[in-house]
Protein backbone atom coordinates (compact mmCIF):
# COMPACT_ATOMS: atom_id res chain seq x y z
CA MET A 1 177.53 142.26 186.26
CA ASN A 2 176.81 139.76 183.53
CA MET A 3 173.19 140.37 182.50
CA ARG A 4 172.87 136.76 181.34
CA SER A 5 174.05 135.28 184.63
CA ILE A 6 171.71 133.39 186.93
CA SER A 7 172.40 135.80 189.80
CA PHE A 8 171.44 138.84 187.72
CA ARG A 9 168.25 137.20 186.45
CA LEU A 10 167.25 136.05 189.93
CA VAL A 11 167.81 139.53 191.37
CA ALA A 12 165.95 141.13 188.47
CA TRP A 13 162.97 138.81 188.85
CA TYR A 14 163.00 139.13 192.63
CA ALA A 15 163.27 142.93 192.62
CA GLY A 16 160.80 143.29 189.75
CA LEU A 17 158.20 141.07 191.39
CA LEU A 18 158.45 142.77 194.79
CA ALA A 19 158.50 146.22 193.17
CA GLY A 20 155.33 145.33 191.26
CA ILE A 21 153.66 144.09 194.44
CA PHE A 22 154.69 147.22 196.35
CA MET A 23 153.47 149.49 193.55
CA LEU A 24 150.13 147.68 193.52
CA LEU A 25 149.85 147.98 197.30
CA CYS A 26 150.71 151.69 197.10
CA VAL A 27 148.02 152.32 194.48
CA VAL A 28 145.46 150.37 196.50
CA LEU A 29 146.48 152.22 199.69
CA TYR A 30 146.25 155.62 197.98
CA LEU A 31 142.85 154.97 196.43
CA ASP A 32 141.46 153.33 199.57
CA LEU A 33 142.65 156.20 201.76
CA ARG A 34 141.13 158.76 199.36
CA HIS A 35 137.84 156.90 199.43
CA PHE A 36 137.92 156.62 203.23
CA LEU A 37 138.73 160.30 203.82
CA GLU A 38 136.10 161.54 201.39
CA LYS A 39 133.52 159.16 202.81
CA ASP A 40 134.37 160.20 206.37
CA LEU A 41 134.06 163.89 205.44
CA ALA A 42 130.76 163.24 203.65
CA GLU A 43 129.35 161.36 206.64
CA SER A 44 130.46 164.20 208.95
CA GLN A 45 128.63 166.70 206.74
CA GLY A 46 125.61 164.42 206.61
CA ARG A 47 125.46 164.36 210.39
CA ARG A 48 125.53 168.16 210.46
CA THR A 49 122.67 168.41 207.95
CA ARG A 50 120.63 166.10 210.13
CA GLN A 51 121.64 168.10 213.20
CA ILE A 52 120.40 171.33 211.59
CA ALA A 53 117.18 169.67 210.55
CA ASN A 54 116.48 167.92 213.86
CA THR A 55 117.35 170.86 216.12
CA LEU A 56 116.30 173.94 214.11
CA LEU A 57 113.98 173.09 211.25
CA VAL A 58 111.84 170.72 213.25
CA HIS A 59 110.58 173.77 215.26
CA VAL A 60 110.61 176.26 212.38
CA LYS A 61 106.84 176.79 212.64
CA GLN A 62 107.21 178.02 216.22
CA THR A 63 110.60 179.82 215.98
CA GLY A 64 110.42 181.12 212.44
CA GLU A 65 112.86 180.87 209.51
CA ALA A 66 114.75 183.97 210.61
CA ASN A 67 115.66 182.28 213.88
CA VAL A 68 116.81 179.19 211.97
CA ALA A 69 119.12 181.33 209.84
CA SER A 70 120.46 183.19 212.86
CA GLN A 71 121.04 180.02 214.87
CA THR A 72 122.76 178.31 211.95
CA LYS A 73 125.15 181.24 211.52
CA ASP A 74 125.92 181.39 215.26
CA TRP A 75 126.41 177.68 215.78
CA TYR A 76 128.44 176.74 212.73
CA GLU A 77 130.14 180.02 211.79
CA PRO A 78 130.62 178.93 208.15
CA GLU A 79 132.61 182.01 207.12
CA ILE A 80 135.16 181.50 209.90
CA ASN A 81 135.37 177.69 209.43
CA ASP A 82 135.48 177.86 205.60
CA ARG A 83 132.20 175.99 205.24
CA PHE A 84 129.25 176.26 202.94
CA ILE A 85 125.70 176.07 204.38
CA ARG A 86 122.47 176.66 202.53
CA ILE A 87 118.84 176.07 203.60
CA THR A 88 116.24 176.25 200.87
CA ARG A 89 112.53 175.59 200.67
CA THR A 90 111.36 173.16 198.02
CA ASP A 91 109.74 176.10 196.21
CA GLY A 92 113.23 177.64 195.79
CA THR A 93 113.05 180.26 198.55
CA GLN A 94 116.38 180.56 200.35
CA VAL A 95 116.09 180.57 204.12
CA TYR A 96 119.83 180.88 204.69
CA VAL A 97 123.04 180.84 202.63
CA SER A 98 126.49 181.32 204.11
CA GLY A 99 128.77 184.11 202.97
CA THR A 100 132.20 184.03 201.40
CA PRO A 101 134.77 182.43 203.74
CA ASN A 102 137.23 184.74 205.41
CA ASP A 103 140.13 183.29 203.43
CA GLY A 104 138.22 183.81 200.16
CA SER A 105 138.79 180.20 199.16
CA PHE A 106 135.50 179.95 197.24
CA ASP A 107 132.39 181.91 196.35
CA PRO A 108 129.09 180.37 197.63
CA ALA A 109 127.32 181.92 194.64
CA GLU A 110 129.14 179.41 192.39
CA VAL A 111 127.47 176.47 194.12
CA PRO A 112 124.37 175.46 192.14
CA VAL A 113 121.22 174.27 193.91
CA PHE A 114 120.80 170.50 194.16
CA PRO A 115 118.31 169.23 191.62
CA PRO A 116 115.24 167.43 193.02
CA ALA A 117 116.27 163.93 194.13
CA ALA A 118 114.32 160.94 195.36
CA GLU A 119 116.93 160.13 198.01
CA THR A 120 116.63 161.70 201.44
CA GLU A 121 120.40 162.18 201.66
CA SER A 122 122.82 162.64 198.82
CA TYR A 123 126.37 163.84 198.18
CA ARG A 124 128.21 165.51 195.35
CA LYS A 125 131.62 166.98 194.53
CA LEU A 126 131.74 170.33 192.81
CA LYS A 127 134.69 171.82 190.95
CA LEU A 128 134.95 175.53 191.66
CA SER A 129 137.07 178.24 190.13
CA GLY A 130 140.69 178.25 191.29
CA GLY A 131 140.88 174.47 191.18
CA LYS A 132 139.02 174.02 194.46
CA THR A 133 136.79 171.01 195.10
CA LEU A 134 133.78 171.30 197.37
CA LEU A 135 132.15 168.24 198.89
CA VAL A 136 128.47 168.96 199.62
CA ALA A 137 125.99 166.84 201.57
CA ALA A 138 122.28 167.48 200.97
CA LEU A 139 119.26 166.46 203.09
CA ASN A 140 115.61 166.58 201.99
CA PHE A 141 113.83 167.27 205.29
CA LYS A 142 110.10 166.94 205.85
CA SER A 143 108.16 167.03 209.13
CA SER A 144 104.51 167.11 209.99
CA GLY A 145 103.06 170.59 209.94
CA ASN A 146 106.23 172.15 208.48
CA PRO A 147 107.21 172.92 204.88
CA ALA A 148 109.85 170.77 203.16
CA TYR A 149 113.42 172.05 203.15
CA LEU A 150 116.70 171.19 201.43
CA VAL A 151 119.67 171.47 203.79
CA GLU A 152 123.16 171.66 202.17
CA PHE A 153 126.40 171.50 204.10
CA GLY A 154 129.75 171.56 202.32
CA GLU A 155 133.49 171.71 202.99
CA LEU A 156 136.53 172.00 200.78
CA LEU A 157 138.58 168.87 200.13
CA ASP A 158 141.83 170.79 200.68
CA PRO A 159 142.78 168.96 203.91
CA VAL A 160 142.13 165.64 202.25
CA GLU A 161 144.11 166.63 199.15
CA THR A 162 146.96 167.91 201.33
CA MET A 163 147.15 164.61 203.19
CA LEU A 164 146.96 162.60 199.96
CA ASN A 165 149.63 164.73 198.29
CA ARG A 166 151.92 164.22 201.27
CA LEU A 167 151.30 160.49 201.11
CA PHE A 168 151.97 160.49 197.37
CA LEU A 169 155.32 162.24 197.86
CA GLN A 170 156.26 159.81 200.60
CA LEU A 171 155.42 156.87 198.34
CA ALA A 172 157.18 158.47 195.36
CA TRP A 173 160.37 158.84 197.39
CA GLY A 174 160.04 155.70 199.44
CA LEU A 175 159.23 153.26 196.62
CA PRO A 176 162.52 153.73 194.69
CA LEU A 177 164.41 153.52 197.98
CA ALA A 178 162.53 150.33 198.85
CA ILE A 179 163.28 148.89 195.40
CA PHE A 180 166.98 149.76 195.82
CA ILE A 181 167.07 148.08 199.24
CA ILE A 182 165.18 145.08 197.84
CA ALA A 183 167.58 144.76 194.91
CA GLY A 184 170.63 145.12 197.16
CA GLY A 185 169.30 142.63 199.68
CA GLY A 186 168.29 140.27 196.91
CA TYR A 187 171.77 140.50 195.39
CA LEU A 188 173.40 139.67 198.72
CA LEU A 189 171.02 136.75 199.27
CA VAL A 190 171.55 135.41 195.75
CA ARG A 191 175.33 135.79 195.96
CA ARG A 192 175.33 133.99 199.29
CA ALA A 193 173.10 131.25 197.90
CA LEU A 194 175.28 130.88 194.78
CA THR A 195 178.62 130.97 196.63
CA PRO A 196 178.80 127.14 196.56
CA VAL A 197 178.28 127.30 192.79
CA GLU A 198 181.23 129.72 192.47
CA GLN A 199 183.37 127.39 194.59
CA ILE A 200 182.35 124.40 192.46
CA THR A 201 183.11 126.36 189.28
CA ARG A 202 186.58 127.43 190.46
CA ALA A 203 187.41 123.90 191.62
CA ALA A 204 186.19 122.44 188.32
CA GLU A 205 188.37 124.92 186.37
CA ARG A 206 191.45 123.69 188.26
CA ILE A 207 190.83 120.01 187.49
CA THR A 208 192.66 118.71 184.41
CA GLN A 209 193.85 115.34 183.25
CA HIS A 210 196.90 115.80 185.49
CA ASN A 211 194.96 116.26 188.77
CA LEU A 212 191.83 114.18 188.39
CA SER A 213 192.38 113.03 191.96
CA GLU A 214 191.04 116.39 193.18
CA ARG A 215 187.35 116.69 194.00
CA LEU A 216 184.78 119.45 194.06
CA PRO A 217 183.83 120.98 197.43
CA VAL A 218 180.66 119.55 198.99
CA SER A 219 178.56 121.79 201.25
CA ASN A 220 176.72 119.88 203.97
CA SER A 221 173.47 121.75 203.30
CA GLY A 222 171.26 118.86 202.24
CA ASP A 223 170.06 120.81 199.20
CA GLU A 224 170.32 120.35 195.44
CA LEU A 225 173.84 121.83 195.33
CA GLU A 226 175.13 119.17 197.72
CA ARG A 227 173.61 116.43 195.58
CA LEU A 228 175.07 118.06 192.45
CA SER A 229 178.56 118.19 193.97
CA ILE A 230 178.35 114.56 195.04
CA SER A 231 177.16 113.49 191.58
CA LEU A 232 179.92 115.46 189.83
CA ASN A 233 182.55 114.01 192.16
CA ARG A 234 181.34 110.51 191.34
CA MET A 235 181.57 111.37 187.64
CA ILE A 236 185.14 112.69 188.12
CA THR A 237 186.02 109.48 189.95
CA ARG A 238 184.76 107.43 187.01
CA LEU A 239 186.69 109.65 184.57
CA ASP A 240 189.81 109.33 186.71
CA ASP A 241 189.50 105.54 186.72
CA ALA A 242 188.98 105.47 182.95
CA PHE A 243 191.89 107.86 182.35
CA GLN A 244 194.21 105.92 184.64
CA ASN A 245 193.27 102.69 182.90
CA SER A 246 193.95 104.33 179.55
CA LYS A 247 197.34 105.64 180.69
CA ARG A 248 198.27 102.25 182.14
CA PHE A 249 197.26 100.58 178.91
CA VAL A 250 199.35 102.99 176.79
CA ALA A 251 202.30 102.72 179.14
CA ASP A 252 202.14 98.92 179.35
CA ALA A 253 201.51 98.48 175.64
CA SER A 254 204.31 100.82 174.58
CA HIS A 255 206.68 99.26 177.10
CA ASP A 256 205.84 95.72 176.06
CA LEU A 257 206.14 96.58 172.36
CA ARG A 258 209.62 98.00 172.66
CA THR A 259 211.37 94.64 173.14
CA PRO A 260 209.72 92.74 170.26
CA LEU A 261 210.16 95.75 167.98
CA THR A 262 213.84 95.93 168.87
CA ILE A 263 214.21 92.20 168.10
CA LEU A 264 212.23 92.57 164.88
CA ARG A 265 214.37 95.53 163.84
CA GLY A 266 217.57 93.61 164.44
CA GLU A 267 216.36 90.60 162.47
CA LEU A 268 215.25 92.77 159.56
CA GLU A 269 218.63 94.53 159.53
CA ASN A 270 220.29 91.13 159.25
CA PHE A 271 217.94 90.14 156.44
CA ALA A 272 218.56 93.39 154.57
CA GLU A 273 222.34 92.83 154.76
CA ASP A 274 222.35 89.06 154.14
CA PRO A 275 224.25 88.46 150.85
CA ARG A 276 222.61 85.06 150.44
CA LEU A 277 219.26 86.70 149.65
CA ASP A 278 218.51 88.09 146.23
CA GLU A 279 218.15 91.80 145.61
CA GLU A 280 214.35 91.77 145.64
CA MET A 281 214.17 90.08 149.04
CA ARG A 282 216.70 92.50 150.52
CA GLU A 283 214.66 95.43 149.21
CA ARG A 284 211.51 94.01 150.81
CA ALA A 285 213.38 93.51 154.06
CA ALA A 286 214.64 97.13 153.89
CA SER A 287 211.07 98.36 153.30
CA LEU A 288 209.84 96.39 156.29
CA LEU A 289 212.74 97.72 158.32
CA GLU A 290 211.66 101.32 157.55
CA GLU A 291 208.14 100.58 158.76
CA VAL A 292 209.43 98.91 161.91
CA VAL A 293 211.67 101.94 162.62
CA HIS A 294 208.65 104.20 162.09
CA LEU A 295 206.55 102.04 164.40
CA GLY A 296 209.35 102.07 166.97
CA LYS A 297 209.36 105.88 166.96
CA ILE A 298 205.61 105.92 167.52
CA VAL A 299 205.93 103.48 170.41
CA GLU A 300 208.74 105.58 171.88
CA GLN A 301 206.61 108.71 171.63
CA LEU A 302 203.68 106.94 173.29
CA PHE A 303 205.98 105.79 176.05
CA THR A 304 207.21 109.38 176.46
CA LEU A 305 203.62 110.64 176.72
CA SER A 306 202.75 108.00 179.31
CA ARG A 307 205.73 109.06 181.44
CA LEU A 308 204.75 112.72 181.06
CA ASP A 309 201.19 111.91 182.11
CA ALA A 310 202.61 110.17 185.16
CA GLY A 311 204.41 113.40 186.14
CA GLU A 312 207.91 112.40 185.06
CA ALA A 313 208.62 115.92 183.69
CA GLN A 314 208.02 117.43 187.13
CA THR A 315 210.95 115.55 188.65
CA GLU A 316 214.65 116.34 188.45
CA TRP A 317 214.09 120.08 188.13
CA THR A 318 217.16 122.29 187.98
CA ARG A 319 217.89 125.93 187.36
CA PHE A 320 219.50 126.56 183.98
CA ASP A 321 219.80 129.14 181.21
CA LEU A 322 217.06 128.65 178.59
CA ALA A 323 218.85 130.94 176.15
CA GLU A 324 222.01 128.81 176.27
CA LEU A 325 219.93 125.63 175.85
CA ALA A 326 218.21 127.07 172.79
CA LYS A 327 221.56 128.14 171.31
CA THR A 328 223.25 124.74 171.70
CA THR A 329 220.18 122.85 170.47
CA THR A 330 220.02 125.04 167.36
CA GLU A 331 223.69 124.28 166.63
CA GLN A 332 223.01 120.56 166.94
CA LEU A 333 220.20 120.74 164.38
CA HIS A 334 222.11 122.85 161.86
CA LEU A 335 223.18 119.78 159.83
CA LEU A 336 219.59 118.56 159.59
CA ALA A 337 218.49 121.99 158.32
CA GLU A 338 221.37 122.14 155.81
CA ASP A 339 220.46 118.71 154.43
CA LYS A 340 216.94 120.08 153.80
CA GLY A 341 218.35 123.27 152.24
CA VAL A 342 216.86 125.47 154.98
CA SER A 343 218.66 128.24 156.86
CA LEU A 344 218.41 128.03 160.66
CA SER A 345 219.34 130.89 162.99
CA CYS A 346 219.12 131.57 166.71
CA ASN A 347 218.59 135.03 168.17
CA VAL A 348 219.39 135.22 171.89
CA SER A 349 219.51 138.61 173.60
CA GLN A 350 220.38 137.77 177.23
CA PRO A 351 220.61 134.91 179.73
CA LEU A 352 217.15 133.72 180.83
CA PRO A 353 217.25 131.52 183.95
CA VAL A 354 214.33 129.09 184.33
CA LYS A 355 213.52 126.09 186.46
CA GLY A 356 212.49 122.78 184.99
CA ASN A 357 213.50 119.45 183.56
CA HIS A 358 216.48 120.27 181.33
CA VAL A 359 216.05 117.18 179.15
CA ARG A 360 212.32 117.66 178.57
CA LEU A 361 212.60 121.36 177.74
CA LYS A 362 215.32 120.54 175.26
CA GLN A 363 212.89 118.04 173.74
CA VAL A 364 210.39 120.92 173.30
CA ILE A 365 212.96 122.92 171.32
CA VAL A 366 213.99 119.88 169.26
CA ASN A 367 210.38 118.98 168.39
CA LEU A 368 209.49 122.54 167.38
CA LEU A 369 212.64 122.95 165.24
CA ASP A 370 212.23 119.50 163.70
CA ASN A 371 208.61 120.31 162.86
CA ALA A 372 209.66 123.59 161.24
CA ILE A 373 212.41 121.92 159.20
CA LYS A 374 210.02 119.26 157.92
CA TYR A 375 207.44 121.73 156.63
CA THR A 376 209.72 124.48 155.31
CA PRO A 377 210.68 124.15 151.64
CA LYS A 378 214.19 124.53 150.28
CA LYS A 379 215.74 127.99 150.59
CA GLY A 380 213.33 128.67 153.40
CA ALA A 381 214.30 130.25 156.71
CA ILE A 382 213.70 129.28 160.32
CA GLN A 383 214.45 131.59 163.20
CA LEU A 384 214.51 130.73 166.89
CA ARG A 385 214.19 133.66 169.29
CA VAL A 386 214.45 133.69 173.08
CA LEU A 387 213.55 136.88 174.95
CA ALA A 388 212.16 138.12 178.25
CA VAL A 389 208.61 139.52 178.33
CA ASN A 390 206.80 140.55 181.55
CA GLY A 391 208.61 138.14 183.85
CA HIS A 392 208.46 135.24 181.38
CA ALA A 393 210.96 133.63 179.08
CA VAL A 394 209.42 133.53 175.60
CA LEU A 395 210.74 131.03 173.07
CA GLU A 396 209.58 131.51 169.47
CA VAL A 397 210.18 129.23 166.49
CA GLU A 398 209.15 131.00 163.29
CA ASP A 399 209.38 129.68 159.73
CA ASN A 400 208.20 130.69 156.25
CA GLY A 401 206.98 127.24 155.34
CA ILE A 402 203.69 125.90 154.02
CA GLY A 403 201.66 127.08 157.04
CA ILE A 404 198.67 125.58 158.81
CA PRO A 405 194.98 126.17 157.88
CA ALA A 406 193.00 128.28 160.35
CA ASP A 407 190.51 125.50 161.06
CA ALA A 408 193.36 123.14 162.03
CA LEU A 409 195.18 125.47 164.44
CA PRO A 410 193.00 124.66 167.49
CA HIS A 411 193.77 120.94 167.05
CA VAL A 412 197.51 120.85 166.29
CA PHE A 413 198.39 119.91 169.89
CA GLU A 414 195.93 117.01 170.01
CA ARG A 415 197.32 113.50 170.01
CA PHE A 416 197.47 111.73 166.65
CA TYR A 417 196.11 114.81 164.89
CA ARG A 418 197.55 115.54 161.48
CA VAL A 419 196.45 118.47 159.35
CA ASP A 420 195.95 116.43 156.20
CA GLN A 421 197.33 113.37 154.47
CA ALA A 422 199.19 115.39 151.81
CA ARG A 423 201.04 117.35 154.49
CA SER A 424 202.28 114.22 156.26
CA ALA A 425 202.63 111.79 153.40
CA ASP A 426 206.37 112.28 153.07
CA SER A 427 207.10 112.34 156.76
CA GLU A 428 207.19 109.79 159.53
CA SER A 429 204.97 111.93 161.72
CA ALA A 430 202.30 110.21 163.78
CA GLY A 431 200.81 113.41 165.14
CA LEU A 432 202.46 113.07 168.56
CA GLY A 433 205.35 115.55 168.42
CA LEU A 434 203.32 118.64 169.27
CA SER A 435 201.32 116.62 171.82
CA ILE A 436 204.58 115.92 173.64
CA VAL A 437 205.45 119.64 173.48
CA LYS A 438 202.07 120.50 174.99
CA ALA A 439 202.42 117.89 177.76
CA ILE A 440 205.92 119.13 178.72
CA CYS A 441 204.78 122.77 178.75
CA THR A 442 201.76 121.93 180.91
CA ALA A 443 203.99 120.10 183.39
CA HIS A 444 206.20 123.21 183.64
CA GLY A 445 203.31 125.67 184.02
CA ALA A 446 204.13 127.07 180.59
CA GLU A 447 201.85 128.16 177.77
CA VAL A 448 202.29 127.16 174.15
CA GLU A 449 200.42 128.63 171.21
CA ALA A 450 200.58 128.54 167.45
CA GLN A 451 200.00 131.20 164.82
CA SER A 452 200.04 130.43 161.14
CA THR A 453 199.00 131.56 157.68
CA VAL A 454 198.76 129.11 154.82
CA GLY A 455 201.59 129.72 152.35
CA CYS A 456 203.36 132.22 154.61
CA GLY A 457 204.64 130.17 157.51
CA SER A 458 204.02 129.42 161.18
CA CYS A 459 205.15 130.66 164.57
CA PHE A 460 205.11 128.55 167.73
CA ARG A 461 205.48 130.47 170.98
CA VAL A 462 206.28 129.05 174.45
CA ARG A 463 205.94 131.24 177.58
CA LEU A 464 207.80 129.91 180.63
CA PRO A 465 208.06 131.70 184.00
CA LEU A 466 211.50 133.08 184.77
CA SER A 467 213.33 131.80 187.83
CA ARG A 468 213.97 134.48 190.45
CA ASN A 469 216.37 132.46 192.58
């Protein structure tokens, strides 16, 4: 999972917050239960001290201290019940002290006498040897006609500790399990809540300039995601309108310019060949004719792009051999390469059947080879290779020309982009040739990429799916 994604952060915050709350509740529960159990045990011992005082010591003058000791031993059986009982006069004389419990859990001799206290009832916890803790309740008892006594009644906290330890283990095992369930449930909830976002993202990835008529899915939930989808669809509609207007303008402008440019070209050709004009005027007419021819090529390229944008390349598809097309196109451009003093070769290993617009794919090869010839110096070499790789026909045009700077590579397929003025000063390029290549490849579901090193040459690679039938 992407740790920077919204779903991961939401789950982390959700699980962390609930885990913190549960941990706090567990601590509060543990401490509160400890306090309750110890308090309940202390109150139980306090009741027994009062019971001893109110039933035995209140009549000590008549029954005698020996009877009090005997009755206490018989009634409460401290050795059998693992209890501690001690009755002491205020002058320090012990009336009764219980013996060592049968299980030997503690030694009553280790329990110090309570110091004099102003309170009638008090409690204390004593740490004994062996790690035992004894909770002792003390009662200062006084009655008319009788001496004052200190009654102590104590029990070990082992049952309380056992219960608390069991609770601690349950919490220690249950809390991680609860956190795991919380995190898993939170992940499922977040994924379900963000499913519309995933659908919107996938739909947005599919939308390009060629299918701006598509729209994002809208969930009828009445929440923020529905409003977002509606707003984005309205934005795509506005972009589609603007793009269609732009394409119509380019198509109309290029179409309307073709006729006057053709007329202008014809007139300038007549002027350049008119013997009645002096040499200087004919040279000016020839210069103007070159510019008109250049402008005509730009208009023709714009018209080609407008037809490609309209989906013209996706019509008239046939099944043909790309290797044979590359071979014949290379032969046709041999003269152009020879005039430039550049060697041009074609390496074809096997027939590669593809489906597409034969004319437009030939235009891809022509544009790539023409581009390589323009920017490869004399005695340079250009090689065209066509091979099959992983179910695709791969067409490569590699040269050892001047190369393309690294910062310009991402932009070479943009319309009207030229690397620099020095590179294109001697050419008639308008920065549309590679844009046409890109548009044709996109229409055929093909990929085109460029690799280049300044001073070493460039390699343009087209990957086109092979035709299976």
